[in-house]
Protein backbone atom coordinates (compact mmCIF):
# COMPACT_ATOMS: atom_id res chain seq x y z
CA MET A 1 -7.41 8.99 0.43
CA TRP A 2 -3.75 9.87 0.06
CA ALA A 3 -2.73 6.27 -0.42
CA ASN A 4 -5.36 5.98 -3.16
CA GLN A 5 -4.23 9.18 -4.88
CA HIS A 6 -0.64 7.80 -4.95
CA ARG A 7 -1.95 4.54 -6.40
CA GLU A 8 -3.84 6.44 -9.11
CA VAL A 9 -0.76 8.45 -10.11
CA PHE A 10 1.42 5.31 -10.08
CA GLU A 11 -1.02 3.50 -12.31
CA SER A 12 -1.29 6.41 -14.77
CA LEU A 13 2.51 6.68 -15.01
CA ILE A 14 3.48 3.04 -15.07
CA GLY A 15 1.88 2.54 -18.49
CA ASN A 16 4.61 4.72 -19.90
CA LEU A 17 7.37 2.23 -19.04
CA GLN A 18 8.10 -0.87 -21.03
CA GLU A 19 9.32 -3.99 -19.21
CA ALA A 20 12.49 -4.05 -21.31
CA GLU A 21 13.25 -0.51 -20.21
CA LEU A 22 12.85 -1.46 -16.54
CA GLN A 23 15.15 -4.43 -16.89
CA LYS A 24 17.88 -2.24 -18.39
CA MET A 25 17.57 0.18 -15.54
CA GLY A 26 18.12 -2.39 -12.78
CA ALA A 27 18.04 -0.79 -9.32
CA ALA A 28 17.76 2.67 -10.86
CA MET A 29 14.20 1.96 -11.66
CA LEU A 30 13.42 2.72 -8.06
CA ALA A 31 14.50 6.31 -8.69
CA THR A 32 11.85 6.81 -11.41
CA LYS A 33 8.72 8.82 -10.72
CA GLN A 34 6.64 5.74 -11.29
CA PHE A 35 8.26 3.71 -8.61
CA GLY A 36 8.49 6.73 -6.31
CA PHE A 37 4.69 6.99 -6.38
CA MET A 38 4.33 3.19 -5.97
CA LEU A 39 6.58 2.94 -2.93
CA VAL A 40 5.02 5.96 -1.22
CA TRP A 41 1.59 4.36 -1.97
CA TYR A 42 2.82 1.20 -0.26
CA GLY A 43 4.01 3.20 2.70
CA LEU A 44 0.73 5.04 3.05
CA LEU A 45 -1.28 1.82 2.64
CA TRP A 46 0.75 0.31 5.52
CA ALA A 47 -0.29 3.26 7.69
CA VAL A 48 -3.98 2.40 6.84
CA ILE A 49 -3.45 -1.30 7.65
CA GLU A 50 -1.66 -0.52 10.83
CA ALA A 51 -4.54 1.73 11.93
CA PHE A 52 -6.94 -1.18 11.55
CA ILE A 53 -4.93 -4.15 12.98
CA ASP A 54 -2.75 -2.66 15.66
CA PRO A 55 -4.58 -3.16 19.00
CA LYS A 56 -2.90 -0.01 20.31
CA GLU A 57 -4.79 2.02 17.83
CA GLY A 58 -8.06 1.07 19.65
CA ARG A 59 -10.27 0.44 16.62
CA CYS A 60 -12.79 -2.32 16.73
CA VAL A 61 -12.88 -3.36 13.08
CA ASP A 62 -13.17 -7.06 12.46
CA LEU A 63 -11.31 -7.92 9.32
CA ARG A 64 -11.54 -11.53 8.30
CA GLY A 65 -11.50 -14.06 5.42
CA PRO A 66 -9.24 -13.77 2.40
CA PHE A 67 -9.01 -9.97 2.95
CA ARG A 68 -7.46 -10.45 6.42
CA ALA A 69 -5.34 -13.41 5.22
CA GLU A 70 -3.72 -11.18 2.52
CA ILE A 71 -3.23 -8.38 5.07
CA ASP A 72 -1.50 -10.85 7.34
CA THR A 73 0.67 -12.21 4.50
CA LEU A 74 1.75 -8.71 3.45
CA SER A 75 2.07 -7.05 6.83
CA PRO A 76 5.62 -7.94 7.89
CA ALA A 77 7.20 -7.07 4.50
CA LEU A 78 4.99 -4.06 3.85
CA ARG A 79 5.92 -2.56 7.31
CA LEU A 80 9.57 -2.98 6.59
CA CYS A 81 9.18 -1.59 3.11
CA ARG A 82 7.45 1.45 4.53
CA ASN A 83 10.33 1.92 6.91
CA ALA A 84 12.87 1.83 4.08
CA VAL A 85 10.79 4.32 2.12
CA LEU A 86 10.05 6.81 4.84
CA HIS A 87 13.29 6.47 6.80
CA VAL A 88 16.55 7.06 5.00
CA PRO A 89 18.42 3.77 4.92
CA ARG A 90 21.68 3.84 6.97
CA SER A 91 23.31 1.76 4.20
CA GLY A 92 22.59 4.44 1.62
CA ASP A 93 21.62 1.71 -0.84
CA LEU A 94 18.87 2.65 -3.27
CA LEU A 95 17.85 -0.99 -3.52
CA ASP A 96 17.26 -1.57 0.19
CA ASP A 97 16.68 -5.19 1.29
CA ARG A 98 13.47 -4.16 3.02
CA ILE A 99 12.01 -3.00 -0.32
CA LEU A 100 13.26 -6.11 -2.00
CA GLY A 101 11.62 -8.24 0.67
CA LEU A 102 8.18 -6.96 -0.24
CA LEU A 103 8.76 -7.14 -3.99
CA SER A 104 9.89 -10.74 -3.57
CA VAL A 105 6.68 -11.87 -1.79
CA PRO A 106 4.98 -14.05 -4.41
CA GLY A 107 1.95 -12.18 -5.80
CA SER A 108 2.53 -9.09 -3.61
CA ALA A 109 1.57 -6.63 -6.30
CA LEU A 110 -1.81 -8.30 -6.85
CA MET A 111 -2.37 -8.75 -3.11
CA ILE A 112 -1.61 -5.11 -2.47
CA ARG A 113 -4.15 -4.06 -5.12
CA ARG A 114 -6.78 -6.30 -3.62
CA VAL A 115 -6.11 -5.01 -0.07
CA ALA A 116 -6.24 -1.42 -1.34
CA ARG A 117 -9.53 -2.09 -3.07
CA GLY A 118 -10.87 -3.81 0.04
CA PHE A 119 -10.09 -0.78 2.26
CA ALA A 120 -11.66 1.54 -0.43
CA ARG A 121 -14.81 -0.50 -0.25
CA LEU A 122 -14.82 -0.39 3.58
CA PHE A 123 -14.37 3.42 3.49
CA LEU A 124 -17.18 3.88 0.91
CA GLU A 125 -19.54 1.65 2.98
CA GLU A 126 -18.70 3.60 6.15
CA TYR A 127 -19.35 6.95 4.46
CA ALA A 128 -22.72 5.65 3.07
CA ARG A 129 -23.63 4.38 6.59
CA ARG A 130 -22.78 7.79 8.13
CA ASP A 131 -24.81 9.63 5.49
CA GLN A 132 -27.80 7.34 6.24
CA LEU A 133 -27.49 8.14 9.92
CA LYS A 134 -27.36 11.88 9.28
CA ALA A 135 -30.41 11.65 7.01
CA ARG A 136 -32.38 9.80 9.78
CA LYS A 137 -31.52 12.48 12.33
CA LYS A 138 -32.93 15.21 10.15
């Protein structure tokens, strides 16, 4: 839910920036509210992905097909980006290479949106399933 809330705020704010403005900003664009919400969203999304794919988490969720392929494509760079966002970089650089690594994955922004929508769908389906089970028990 929190990842989705950050995505919603990011999307509502990003419409206020023009591409020309972003290009003038350079690395400083990462200090904007828009990109702050985007990067925290990415970090929270990684936490969701990790909960599903890390065997140590003990969940038995079978993710497959294009959904899993995109998760696998994004995972290494998204994990490193989360680390850069949630752990202060030792270098002190605003434009950390771990963030750039994710942003340079071809199609990463679209893949991240599809993965986020895929998890949203999974959660909605699970809540509906649980509601049906509750209704049957009554």
